[in-house]
Structures are given as C-alpha cells and as structure tokens.
Amino acid sequence: MSTLKEICKEQTELLNECRQNIKELTEENERLERENEQKTKVISLYKKAYEKTHKGWFRYRELTNHIRAMKFASPYSYNYIHLVNFIKELERADDATKTPKK
C-alpha cells in the first residue's frame, strides 16, 4: 500500500499538472479571443463594403429604369434614346466580361 507521503506527492503532481493545463488553456483562450476579434473586424469591413456596393447597384438600377421609362414617355427625345443605347452598350460590355472563357 501507498504511504501517506506517496499519496500526497501524487496529489501534488496531479494538482501541478492541472494548474499547467489551466494555464495553457487560458493562454489558448486569450489567443482565440484575439483572433476572433480580428476576424470580426474583417467581417464588419466586408459587410460595410457589401452594403455600399449593393446600395450603389440599387441606385444604378433605379436610374436606368427611370431613363428607360422616360424614353417611352418621350419617344422623340434623342437624349433619352441615346442614354438608353449607352446603357445597353454598358450592360453588354459588362456581360461580356462576366462570361467564363473557354
């Protein structure tokens, strides 16, 4: 059987091992919290950029739809006809850059 000194020594070693594990886990937790904070900042920046782009795209759509509607309201106005043709050219050029190349 184990003596009291041996039991005490085993318990002390076990306690020291637990303390070391707690220290390592605390350090890892702090590192992960810093990493999470950095990633949260990056996500926030991407979200702001997305919202700004989406807002711009919505305004572009609104403007082009207005110009197209005005072309039909004033069919003999060359300003609107030229603007609609210009918009079509821009969209064709945009579609050409989006199609995958073989």
Protein backbone atom coordinates (compact mmCIF):
# COMPACT_ATOMS: atom_id res chain seq x y z
CA MET A 1 0.00 0.00 0.00
CA SER A 2 0.93 3.57 -0.60
CA THR A 3 2.10 5.61 2.22
CA LEU A 4 0.66 8.96 3.07
CA LYS A 5 3.75 10.73 1.65
CA GLU A 6 3.36 8.95 -1.70
CA ILE A 7 -0.33 9.81 -1.90
CA CYS A 8 0.45 13.40 -1.04
CA LYS A 9 3.18 13.51 -3.70
CA GLU A 10 0.84 12.05 -6.35
CA GLN A 11 -1.85 14.56 -5.45
CA THR A 12 0.65 17.43 -5.64
CA GLU A 13 1.85 16.26 -9.08
CA LEU A 14 -1.72 15.93 -10.25
CA LEU A 15 -2.53 19.39 -8.93
CA ASN A 16 0.52 20.86 -10.68
CA GLU A 17 -0.48 19.14 -13.91
CA CYS A 18 -3.99 20.60 -13.62
CA ARG A 19 -2.58 24.07 -12.99
CA GLN A 20 -0.35 23.76 -16.06
CA ASN A 21 -3.33 22.63 -18.16
CA ILE A 22 -5.39 25.57 -16.89
CA LYS A 23 -2.56 27.96 -17.77
CA GLU A 24 -2.21 26.52 -21.29
CA LEU A 25 -5.95 26.58 -21.88
CA THR A 26 -6.21 30.17 -20.61
CA GLU A 27 -3.43 31.26 -22.98
CA GLU A 28 -5.11 29.46 -25.89
CA ASN A 29 -8.45 31.03 -25.00
CA GLU A 30 -6.89 34.53 -24.99
CA ARG A 31 -5.26 33.84 -28.37
CA LEU A 32 -8.56 32.64 -29.82
CA GLU A 33 -10.37 35.69 -28.46
CA ARG A 34 -7.84 38.00 -30.17
CA GLU A 35 -8.18 36.01 -33.39
CA ASN A 36 -11.96 36.20 -33.16
CA GLU A 37 -11.82 39.95 -32.61
CA GLN A 38 -9.64 40.39 -35.71
CA LYS A 39 -11.96 38.26 -37.83
CA THR A 40 -14.99 40.16 -36.54
CA LYS A 41 -13.36 43.42 -37.67
CA VAL A 42 -12.68 41.97 -41.14
CA ILE A 43 -16.25 40.71 -41.42
CA SER A 44 -17.53 44.14 -40.41
CA LEU A 45 -15.43 45.77 -43.15
CA TYR A 46 -16.69 43.29 -45.76
CA LYS A 47 -20.25 43.87 -44.64
CA LYS A 48 -19.90 47.65 -44.98
CA ALA A 49 -18.35 47.26 -48.43
CA TYR A 50 -21.13 44.91 -49.50
CA GLU A 51 -23.84 47.28 -48.26
CA LYS A 52 -22.20 50.20 -50.06
CA THR A 53 -21.92 48.21 -53.30
CA HIS A 54 -25.48 46.94 -53.01
CA LYS A 55 -26.75 50.47 -52.41
CA GLY A 56 -24.86 51.69 -55.50
CA TRP A 57 -26.23 48.85 -57.60
CA PHE A 58 -29.77 49.66 -56.47
CA ARG A 59 -29.32 53.32 -57.39
CA TYR A 60 -27.91 52.33 -60.79
CA ARG A 61 -30.93 50.11 -61.45
CA GLU A 62 -33.30 52.84 -60.33
CA LEU A 63 -31.65 55.40 -62.62
CA THR A 64 -31.55 53.15 -65.67
CA ASN A 65 -35.19 52.15 -65.19
CA HIS A 66 -36.14 55.82 -64.93
CA ILE A 67 -34.25 56.65 -68.14
CA ARG A 68 -35.93 53.75 -69.96
CA ALA A 69 -39.34 54.88 -68.73
CA MET A 70 -38.67 58.44 -69.88
CA LYS A 71 -37.71 57.13 -73.33
CA PHE A 72 -41.19 55.65 -73.64
CA ALA A 73 -42.79 58.80 -72.21
CA SER A 74 -40.91 60.97 -74.71
CA PRO A 75 -40.26 58.70 -77.70
CA TYR A 76 -38.93 61.53 -79.89
CA SER A 77 -36.41 62.85 -77.40
CA TYR A 78 -32.99 61.88 -78.68
CA ASN A 79 -31.40 62.45 -75.29
CA TYR A 80 -33.25 59.52 -73.75
CA ILE A 81 -32.77 57.35 -76.84
CA HIS A 82 -29.02 57.91 -76.72
CA LEU A 83 -28.90 57.29 -72.98
CA VAL A 84 -30.80 54.00 -73.32
CA ASN A 85 -28.49 52.89 -76.13
CA PHE A 86 -25.49 53.82 -73.99
CA ILE A 87 -26.88 51.81 -71.05
CA LYS A 88 -27.38 48.80 -73.34
CA GLU A 89 -23.76 49.05 -74.53
CA LEU A 90 -22.52 49.22 -70.93
CA GLU A 91 -24.56 46.18 -69.94
CA ARG A 92 -23.38 44.21 -72.98
CA ALA A 93 -19.76 45.05 -72.15
CA ASP A 94 -20.38 44.06 -68.52
CA ASP A 95 -21.97 40.76 -69.58
CA ALA A 96 -19.03 40.05 -71.90
CA THR A 97 -16.58 40.39 -69.02
CA LYS A 98 -18.65 38.09 -66.79
CA THR A 99 -18.95 35.17 -69.21
CA PRO A 100 -16.42 32.45 -68.50
CA LYS A 101 -13.74 32.00 -71.13
CA LYS A 102 -13.07 28.54 -72.53
